[in-house]
Amino acid sequence: MGILESIREWFSAEQCINKVAAIVAGFLFFTGWWIIIDAMSGDSSHQITTGHVFIGIFGTISFCMINIVKGEHISEENTSEWGARNAKIVLLLGFIMGFASIIAAIWVMISDFINNDKKETSLGVSLLLQNVFILFGSLVYKFGRNEEQWNE
């Protein structure tokens, strides 16, 4: 069996959508962090500070918070100790952190990089792109999977 045939067989299974969603989400998450690491490696005058990197860290925490909550945790039929209310709170806080990291990245991009002639605008754009890719990866991983297959 050739390599292409085994790849075709691997993606033709019923659980293919979970595999594709995980690969795409991982690629988006990786691309987001790769963009900021690449921007920082080419930044010889240290225009990107630790405070700028924390915006991406909050996006990463948001990624974890959003995807730690399974769909069955949110349903009202959930009678566990943790409960549906707590699961919804964690999910809501995760989405708030994800969108807040994008808002913060836009704010920093405009105030620190675009309105400042001493700094390069491309570094602010990379900061924004990092958080956009992380949030899109989080959304793909949360809503692109079929969690019913895990219960079997």
N, C-alpha and C. Protein backbone atom coordinates (compact mmCIF):
# COMPACT_ATOMS: atom_id res chain seq x y z
N MET A 1 0.85 -1.16 0.00
CA MET A 1 0.00 0.00 0.00
C MET A 1 0.90 1.23 0.00
N GLY A 2 0.62 2.12 -0.92
CA GLY A 2 1.41 3.33 -1.04
C GLY A 2 1.05 4.37 0.01
N ILE A 3 1.87 5.38 0.08
CA ILE A 3 1.65 6.44 1.06
C ILE A 3 0.36 7.18 0.78
N LEU A 4 0.12 7.49 -0.48
CA LEU A 4 -1.10 8.22 -0.83
C LEU A 4 -2.35 7.41 -0.53
N GLU A 5 -2.28 6.10 -0.75
CA GLU A 5 -3.44 5.25 -0.46
C GLU A 5 -3.72 5.21 1.04
N SER A 6 -2.67 5.15 1.87
CA SER A 6 -2.92 5.13 3.31
C SER A 6 -3.43 6.46 3.81
N ILE A 7 -2.99 7.55 3.21
CA ILE A 7 -3.52 8.86 3.59
C ILE A 7 -4.99 8.96 3.19
N ARG A 8 -5.32 8.49 1.99
CA ARG A 8 -6.71 8.50 1.52
C ARG A 8 -7.59 7.64 2.43
N GLU A 9 -7.08 6.48 2.83
CA GLU A 9 -7.84 5.61 3.73
C GLU A 9 -8.01 6.25 5.10
N TRP A 10 -6.98 6.93 5.59
CA TRP A 10 -7.04 7.58 6.90
C TRP A 10 -8.09 8.67 6.93
N PHE A 11 -8.22 9.43 5.82
CA PHE A 11 -9.18 10.51 5.76
C PHE A 11 -10.57 10.07 5.30
N SER A 12 -10.74 8.83 4.87
CA SER A 12 -12.05 8.38 4.41
C SER A 12 -12.85 7.73 5.53
N ALA A 13 -12.29 7.65 6.71
CA ALA A 13 -13.03 7.05 7.83
C ALA A 13 -14.17 7.97 8.25
N GLU A 14 -15.08 7.42 9.06
CA GLU A 14 -16.24 8.19 9.51
C GLU A 14 -15.84 9.34 10.42
N GLN A 15 -14.74 9.20 11.11
CA GLN A 15 -14.30 10.23 12.03
C GLN A 15 -13.36 11.23 11.36
N CYS A 16 -13.45 11.33 10.07
CA CYS A 16 -12.56 12.20 9.31
C CYS A 16 -12.73 13.67 9.69
N ILE A 17 -13.94 14.09 9.98
CA ILE A 17 -14.17 15.50 10.29
C ILE A 17 -13.43 15.91 11.56
N ASN A 18 -13.32 15.01 12.53
CA ASN A 18 -12.57 15.32 13.75
C ASN A 18 -11.08 15.45 13.46
N LYS A 19 -10.57 14.58 12.59
CA LYS A 19 -9.16 14.65 12.23
C LYS A 19 -8.85 15.95 11.49
N VAL A 20 -9.69 16.28 10.52
CA VAL A 20 -9.46 17.50 9.74
C VAL A 20 -9.59 18.74 10.61
N ALA A 21 -10.58 18.77 11.49
CA ALA A 21 -10.76 19.92 12.38
C ALA A 21 -9.56 20.07 13.30
N ALA A 22 -9.04 18.97 13.82
CA ALA A 22 -7.88 19.05 14.70
C ALA A 22 -6.64 19.51 13.95
N ILE A 23 -6.46 19.03 12.73
CA ILE A 23 -5.30 19.44 11.93
C ILE A 23 -5.39 20.92 11.56
N VAL A 24 -6.55 21.36 11.11
CA VAL A 24 -6.72 22.77 10.72
C VAL A 24 -6.57 23.68 11.94
N ALA A 25 -7.18 23.32 13.05
CA ALA A 25 -7.07 24.14 14.26
C ALA A 25 -5.63 24.20 14.75
N GLY A 26 -4.95 23.09 14.73
CA GLY A 26 -3.54 23.08 15.13
C GLY A 26 -2.68 23.91 14.21
N PHE A 27 -2.98 23.84 12.92
CA PHE A 27 -2.23 24.65 11.95
C PHE A 27 -2.47 26.14 12.17
N LEU A 28 -3.72 26.52 12.43
CA LEU A 28 -4.02 27.93 12.69
C LEU A 28 -3.35 28.41 13.97
N PHE A 29 -3.40 27.61 15.02
CA PHE A 29 -2.76 27.96 16.28
C PHE A 29 -1.25 28.11 16.08
N PHE A 30 -0.65 27.14 15.40
CA PHE A 30 0.79 27.17 15.12
C PHE A 30 1.15 28.39 14.28
N THR A 31 0.35 28.70 13.28
CA THR A 31 0.63 29.84 12.41
C THR A 31 0.58 31.14 13.19
N GLY A 32 -0.38 31.26 14.10
CA GLY A 32 -0.46 32.47 14.91
C GLY A 32 0.80 32.69 15.73
N TRP A 33 1.25 31.65 16.40
CA TRP A 33 2.46 31.81 17.20
C TRP A 33 3.70 31.95 16.32
N TRP A 34 3.70 31.31 15.15
CA TRP A 34 4.84 31.43 14.25
C TRP A 34 4.98 32.87 13.76
N ILE A 35 3.88 33.53 13.49
CA ILE A 35 3.91 34.91 13.00
C ILE A 35 4.58 35.82 14.03
N ILE A 36 4.20 35.71 15.29
CA ILE A 36 4.76 36.61 16.30
C ILE A 36 6.21 36.24 16.60
N ILE A 37 6.54 34.96 16.59
CA ILE A 37 7.95 34.57 16.81
C ILE A 37 8.81 35.07 15.67
N ASP A 38 8.32 34.98 14.45
CA ASP A 38 9.06 35.49 13.30
C ASP A 38 9.23 37.00 13.38
N ALA A 39 8.19 37.70 13.79
CA ALA A 39 8.29 39.15 13.93
C ALA A 39 9.28 39.54 15.02
N MET A 40 9.28 38.80 16.11
CA MET A 40 10.21 39.11 17.20
C MET A 40 11.65 38.76 16.85
N SER A 41 11.84 37.74 16.03
CA SER A 41 13.22 37.37 15.66
C SER A 41 13.83 38.40 14.71
N GLY A 42 13.01 39.07 13.93
CA GLY A 42 13.52 40.10 13.04
C GLY A 42 13.52 41.49 13.64
N ASP A 43 13.07 41.60 14.89
CA ASP A 43 12.97 42.88 15.58
C ASP A 43 14.25 43.13 16.37
N SER A 44 15.23 43.76 15.74
CA SER A 44 16.52 43.98 16.39
C SER A 44 16.48 45.09 17.43
N SER A 45 15.51 46.00 17.32
CA SER A 45 15.43 47.11 18.29
C SER A 45 14.44 46.84 19.41
N HIS A 46 13.97 45.61 19.54
CA HIS A 46 13.09 45.17 20.63
C HIS A 46 11.85 46.07 20.77
N GLN A 47 11.14 46.24 19.66
CA GLN A 47 9.92 47.05 19.69
C GLN A 47 8.74 46.28 20.26
N ILE A 48 8.77 44.95 20.15
CA ILE A 48 7.73 44.11 20.75
C ILE A 48 8.20 43.76 22.15
N THR A 49 7.42 44.15 23.14
CA THR A 49 7.80 43.92 24.53
C THR A 49 7.08 42.70 25.10
N THR A 50 7.39 42.38 26.33
CA THR A 50 6.75 41.25 27.00
C THR A 50 5.25 41.50 27.16
N GLY A 51 4.88 42.74 27.39
CA GLY A 51 3.46 43.07 27.50
C GLY A 51 2.69 42.76 26.23
N HIS A 52 3.33 42.94 25.09
CA HIS A 52 2.68 42.61 23.82
C HIS A 52 2.49 41.10 23.69
N VAL A 53 3.45 40.34 24.18
CA VAL A 53 3.37 38.87 24.08
C VAL A 53 2.26 38.33 24.98
N PHE A 54 2.00 39.01 26.11
CA PHE A 54 0.95 38.55 27.02
C PHE A 54 -0.42 38.55 26.36
N ILE A 55 -0.63 39.37 25.37
CA ILE A 55 -1.91 39.37 24.65
C ILE A 55 -2.11 38.01 23.98
N GLY A 56 -1.07 37.49 23.36
CA GLY A 56 -1.15 36.16 22.74
C GLY A 56 -1.27 35.05 23.76
N ILE A 57 -0.67 35.24 24.92
CA ILE A 57 -0.79 34.23 25.98
C ILE A 57 -2.23 34.16 26.47
N PHE A 58 -2.88 35.32 26.60
CA PHE A 58 -4.29 35.31 26.99
C PHE A 58 -5.15 34.67 25.90
N GLY A 59 -4.79 34.86 24.63
CA GLY A 59 -5.49 34.16 23.55
C GLY A 59 -5.32 32.66 23.65
N THR A 60 -4.13 32.21 24.04
CA THR A 60 -3.88 30.79 24.20
C THR A 60 -4.67 30.22 25.38
N ILE A 61 -4.74 30.95 26.48
CA ILE A 61 -5.56 30.52 27.62
C ILE A 61 -7.02 30.44 27.20
N SER A 62 -7.45 31.40 26.39
CA SER A 62 -8.81 31.38 25.86
C SER A 62 -9.05 30.13 25.03
N PHE A 63 -8.08 29.76 24.19
CA PHE A 63 -8.17 28.55 23.38
C PHE A 63 -8.43 27.34 24.27
N CYS A 64 -7.68 27.24 25.36
CA CYS A 64 -7.83 26.10 26.27
C CYS A 64 -9.18 26.13 26.98
N MET A 65 -9.59 27.32 27.43
CA MET A 65 -10.86 27.41 28.16
C MET A 65 -12.05 27.07 27.27
N ILE A 66 -12.02 27.52 26.03
CA ILE A 66 -13.14 27.24 25.12
C ILE A 66 -13.23 25.75 24.82
N ASN A 67 -12.10 25.12 24.61
CA ASN A 67 -12.12 23.73 24.17
C ASN A 67 -12.10 22.72 25.29
N ILE A 68 -12.00 23.16 26.52
CA ILE A 68 -12.05 22.22 27.64
C ILE A 68 -13.50 21.82 27.96
N VAL A 69 -14.45 22.65 27.53
CA VAL A 69 -15.86 22.40 27.82
C VAL A 69 -16.46 21.58 26.68
N LYS A 70 -16.95 20.39 26.99
CA LYS A 70 -17.60 19.56 25.99
C LYS A 70 -19.04 20.02 25.80
N GLY A 71 -19.63 19.65 24.68
CA GLY A 71 -21.00 20.03 24.39
C GLY A 71 -21.99 19.47 25.39
N GLU A 72 -21.73 18.27 25.89
CA GLU A 72 -22.66 17.66 26.85
C GLU A 72 -22.59 18.36 28.21
N HIS A 73 -21.51 19.07 28.51
CA HIS A 73 -21.44 19.82 29.76
C HIS A 73 -22.39 21.01 29.76
N ILE A 74 -22.66 21.55 28.59
CA ILE A 74 -23.48 22.76 28.49
C ILE A 74 -24.96 22.45 28.57
N SER A 75 -25.36 21.25 28.20
CA SER A 75 -26.78 20.93 28.15
C SER A 75 -27.40 21.00 29.54
N GLU A 76 -28.67 21.32 29.57
CA GLU A 76 -29.39 21.44 30.84
C GLU A 76 -29.62 20.08 31.50
N GLU A 77 -29.43 19.01 30.74
CA GLU A 77 -29.60 17.67 31.28
C GLU A 77 -28.40 17.25 32.12
N ASN A 78 -27.40 18.08 32.17
CA ASN A 78 -26.20 17.78 32.93
C ASN A 78 -26.50 17.88 34.43
N THR A 79 -26.29 16.79 35.14
CA THR A 79 -26.59 16.78 36.58
C THR A 79 -25.33 16.54 37.40
N SER A 80 -24.17 16.75 36.81
CA SER A 80 -22.93 16.50 37.53
C SER A 80 -22.68 17.59 38.57
N GLU A 81 -21.67 17.37 39.39
CA GLU A 81 -21.33 18.35 40.41
C GLU A 81 -20.90 19.66 39.78
N TRP A 82 -20.15 19.54 38.70
CA TRP A 82 -19.62 20.74 38.05
C TRP A 82 -20.76 21.55 37.49
N GLY A 83 -21.72 20.89 36.89
CA GLY A 83 -22.95 21.52 36.43
C GLY A 83 -22.84 22.30 35.15
N ALA A 84 -23.99 22.48 34.52
CA ALA A 84 -24.07 23.19 33.26
C ALA A 84 -23.77 24.68 33.44
N ARG A 85 -24.18 25.23 34.56
CA ARG A 85 -23.96 26.67 34.79
C ARG A 85 -22.47 26.99 34.83
N ASN A 86 -21.70 26.19 35.54
CA ASN A 86 -20.25 26.42 35.61
C ASN A 86 -19.58 26.23 34.26
N ALA A 87 -20.04 25.24 33.50
CA ALA A 87 -19.48 25.01 32.17
C ALA A 87 -19.77 26.21 31.26
N LYS A 88 -20.97 26.76 31.36
CA LYS A 88 -21.31 27.92 30.54
C LYS A 88 -20.48 29.14 30.95
N ILE A 89 -20.21 29.27 32.24
CA ILE A 89 -19.40 30.40 32.71
C ILE A 89 -17.98 30.29 32.17
N VAL A 90 -17.40 29.09 32.22
CA VAL A 90 -16.04 28.89 31.70
C VAL A 90 -16.02 29.16 30.20
N LEU A 91 -17.02 28.69 29.49
CA LEU A 91 -17.08 28.92 28.04
C LEU A 91 -17.23 30.40 27.73
N LEU A 92 -18.08 31.08 28.47
CA LEU A 92 -18.27 32.51 28.26
C LEU A 92 -16.98 33.29 28.55
N LEU A 93 -16.32 32.96 29.65
CA LEU A 93 -15.06 33.63 29.97
C LEU A 93 -14.00 33.35 28.92
N GLY A 94 -13.99 32.15 28.37
CA GLY A 94 -13.05 31.82 27.31
C GLY A 94 -13.29 32.67 26.07
N PHE A 95 -14.55 32.80 25.66
CA PHE A 95 -14.86 33.64 24.50
C PHE A 95 -14.56 35.11 24.78
N ILE A 96 -14.85 35.57 25.99
CA ILE A 96 -14.54 36.96 26.33
C ILE A 96 -13.04 37.20 26.25
N MET A 97 -12.25 36.27 26.78
CA MET A 97 -10.79 36.43 26.72
C MET A 97 -10.29 36.40 25.29
N GLY A 98 -10.88 35.53 24.45
CA GLY A 98 -10.44 35.45 23.06
C GLY A 98 -10.72 36.72 22.28
N PHE A 99 -11.94 37.23 22.43
CA PHE A 99 -12.27 38.46 21.72
C PHE A 99 -11.58 39.66 22.34
N ALA A 100 -11.36 39.64 23.65
CA ALA A 100 -10.63 40.74 24.30
C ALA A 100 -9.18 40.77 23.84
N SER A 101 -8.59 39.62 23.57
CA SER A 101 -7.22 39.62 23.09
C SER A 101 -7.13 40.22 21.69
N ILE A 102 -8.16 39.99 20.87
CA ILE A 102 -8.17 40.63 19.54
C ILE A 102 -8.37 42.14 19.68
N ILE A 103 -9.27 42.55 20.56
CA ILE A 103 -9.49 43.98 20.78
C ILE A 103 -8.22 44.64 21.31
N ALA A 104 -7.54 43.97 22.25
CA ALA A 104 -6.29 44.51 22.78
C ALA A 104 -5.21 44.58 21.71
N ALA A 105 -5.17 43.57 20.84
CA ALA A 105 -4.17 43.58 19.76
C ALA A 105 -4.45 44.73 18.78
N ILE A 106 -5.72 44.99 18.49
CA ILE A 106 -6.05 46.12 17.61
C ILE A 106 -5.66 47.43 18.28
N TRP A 107 -5.96 47.55 19.56
CA TRP A 107 -5.63 48.76 20.30
C TRP A 107 -4.12 49.01 20.32
N VAL A 108 -3.35 47.96 20.64
CA VAL A 108 -1.90 48.09 20.67
C VAL A 108 -1.35 48.37 19.28
N MET A 109 -1.92 47.72 18.27
CA MET A 109 -1.45 47.95 16.91
C MET A 109 -1.62 49.41 16.53
N ILE A 110 -2.77 49.99 16.84
CA ILE A 110 -3.04 51.37 16.46
C ILE A 110 -2.23 52.34 17.32
N SER A 111 -2.27 52.15 18.65
CA SER A 111 -1.63 53.15 19.52
C SER A 111 -0.11 53.02 19.56
N ASP A 112 0.42 51.81 19.56
CA ASP A 112 1.87 51.64 19.70
C ASP A 112 2.62 51.56 18.38
N PHE A 113 1.99 51.07 17.33
CA PHE A 113 2.74 50.83 16.11
C PHE A 113 2.33 51.74 14.95
N ILE A 114 1.04 51.99 14.78
CA ILE A 114 0.61 52.81 13.65
C ILE A 114 0.79 54.30 13.94
N ASN A 115 0.43 54.74 15.15
CA ASN A 115 0.54 56.15 15.50
C ASN A 115 1.93 56.54 15.97
N ASN A 116 2.86 55.63 15.98
CA ASN A 116 4.22 55.89 16.42
C ASN A 116 5.16 55.74 15.23
N ASP A 117 5.78 56.84 14.83
CA ASP A 117 6.65 56.81 13.65
C ASP A 117 7.96 56.07 13.92
N LYS A 118 8.31 55.87 15.18
CA LYS A 118 9.58 55.21 15.52
C LYS A 118 9.48 53.70 15.47
N LYS A 119 8.28 53.16 15.38
CA LYS A 119 8.10 51.70 15.37
C LYS A 119 7.56 51.26 14.02
N GLU A 120 7.86 50.03 13.67
CA GLU A 120 7.40 49.47 12.40
C GLU A 120 5.95 49.03 12.52
N THR A 121 5.15 49.37 11.52
CA THR A 121 3.73 49.01 11.50
C THR A 121 3.54 47.51 11.35
N SER A 122 4.44 46.85 10.66
CA SER A 122 4.29 45.42 10.41
C SER A 122 4.32 44.60 11.70
N LEU A 123 4.99 45.09 12.72
CA LEU A 123 5.02 44.36 13.99
C LEU A 123 3.65 44.38 14.66
N GLY A 124 2.95 45.50 14.56
CA GLY A 124 1.59 45.57 15.10
C GLY A 124 0.63 44.68 14.34
N VAL A 125 0.82 44.61 13.04
CA VAL A 125 -0.03 43.73 12.22
C VAL A 125 0.24 42.27 12.59
N SER A 126 1.52 41.92 12.84
CA SER A 126 1.79 40.54 13.23
C SER A 126 1.19 40.20 14.58
N LEU A 127 1.16 41.17 15.49
CA LEU A 127 0.52 40.95 16.79
C LEU A 127 -0.97 40.69 16.62
N LEU A 128 -1.61 41.46 15.74
CA LEU A 128 -3.03 41.25 15.48
C LEU A 128 -3.28 39.91 14.80
N LEU A 129 -2.47 39.59 13.79
CA LEU A 129 -2.66 38.32 13.08
C LEU A 129 -2.47 37.12 14.00
N GLN A 130 -1.54 37.22 14.95
CA GLN A 130 -1.34 36.14 15.90
C GLN A 130 -2.63 35.83 16.64
N ASN A 131 -3.27 36.85 17.15
CA ASN A 131 -4.48 36.64 17.95
C ASN A 131 -5.67 36.24 17.09
N VAL A 132 -5.74 36.72 15.87
CA VAL A 132 -6.81 36.31 14.97
C VAL A 132 -6.68 34.82 14.63
N PHE A 133 -5.47 34.38 14.33
CA PHE A 133 -5.26 32.97 14.01
C PHE A 133 -5.54 32.07 15.22
N ILE A 134 -5.15 32.51 16.41
CA ILE A 134 -5.42 31.71 17.60
C ILE A 134 -6.92 31.60 17.84
N LEU A 135 -7.66 32.70 17.70
CA LEU A 135 -9.11 32.64 17.91
C LEU A 135 -9.79 31.79 16.84
N PHE A 136 -9.38 31.93 15.58
CA PHE A 136 -9.98 31.11 14.53
C PHE A 136 -9.67 29.63 14.76
N GLY A 137 -8.46 29.32 15.21
CA GLY A 137 -8.12 27.94 15.53
C GLY A 137 -8.99 27.40 16.65
N SER A 138 -9.25 28.24 17.62
CA SER A 138 -10.11 27.85 18.73
C SER A 138 -11.53 27.57 18.26
N LEU A 139 -12.04 28.43 17.39
CA LEU A 139 -13.40 28.24 16.88
C LEU A 139 -13.51 27.00 16.01
N VAL A 140 -12.50 26.76 15.18
CA VAL A 140 -12.51 25.56 14.34
C VAL A 140 -12.47 24.31 15.20
N TYR A 141 -11.64 24.33 16.23
CA TYR A 141 -11.54 23.13 17.08
C TYR A 141 -12.80 22.91 17.91
N LYS A 142 -13.46 23.98 18.33
CA LYS A 142 -14.66 23.84 19.14
C LYS A 142 -15.86 23.40 18.30
N PHE A 143 -16.08 24.07 17.18
CA PHE A 143 -17.30 23.84 16.41
C PHE A 143 -17.10 22.95 15.19
N GLY A 144 -15.86 22.58 14.87
CA GLY A 144 -15.60 21.74 13.70
C GLY A 144 -15.61 20.26 14.00
N ARG A 145 -15.70 19.90 15.28
CA ARG A 145 -15.65 18.49 15.66
C ARG A 145 -17.04 17.95 15.95
N ASN A 146 -17.14 16.64 15.87
CA ASN A 146 -18.37 15.94 16.24
C ASN A 146 -18.09 15.19 17.53
N GLU A 147 -18.59 15.70 18.65
CA GLU A 147 -18.28 15.11 19.95
C GLU A 147 -19.10 13.86 20.24
N GLU A 148 -20.13 13.60 19.47
CA GLU A 148 -20.97 12.41 19.71
C GLU A 148 -20.19 11.13 19.46
N GLN A 149 -19.20 11.17 18.59
CA GLN A 149 -18.43 9.97 18.30
C GLN A 149 -17.56 9.56 19.48
N TRP A 150 -17.28 10.46 20.41
CA TRP A 150 -16.45 10.13 21.56
C TRP A 150 -17.21 9.35 22.60
N ASN A 151 -18.53 9.44 22.60
CA ASN A 151 -19.33 8.79 23.63
C ASN A 151 -19.57 7.31 23.35
N GLU A 152 -19.17 6.84 22.20
CA GLU A 152 -19.42 5.44 21.85
C GLU A 152 -18.41 4.52 22.49
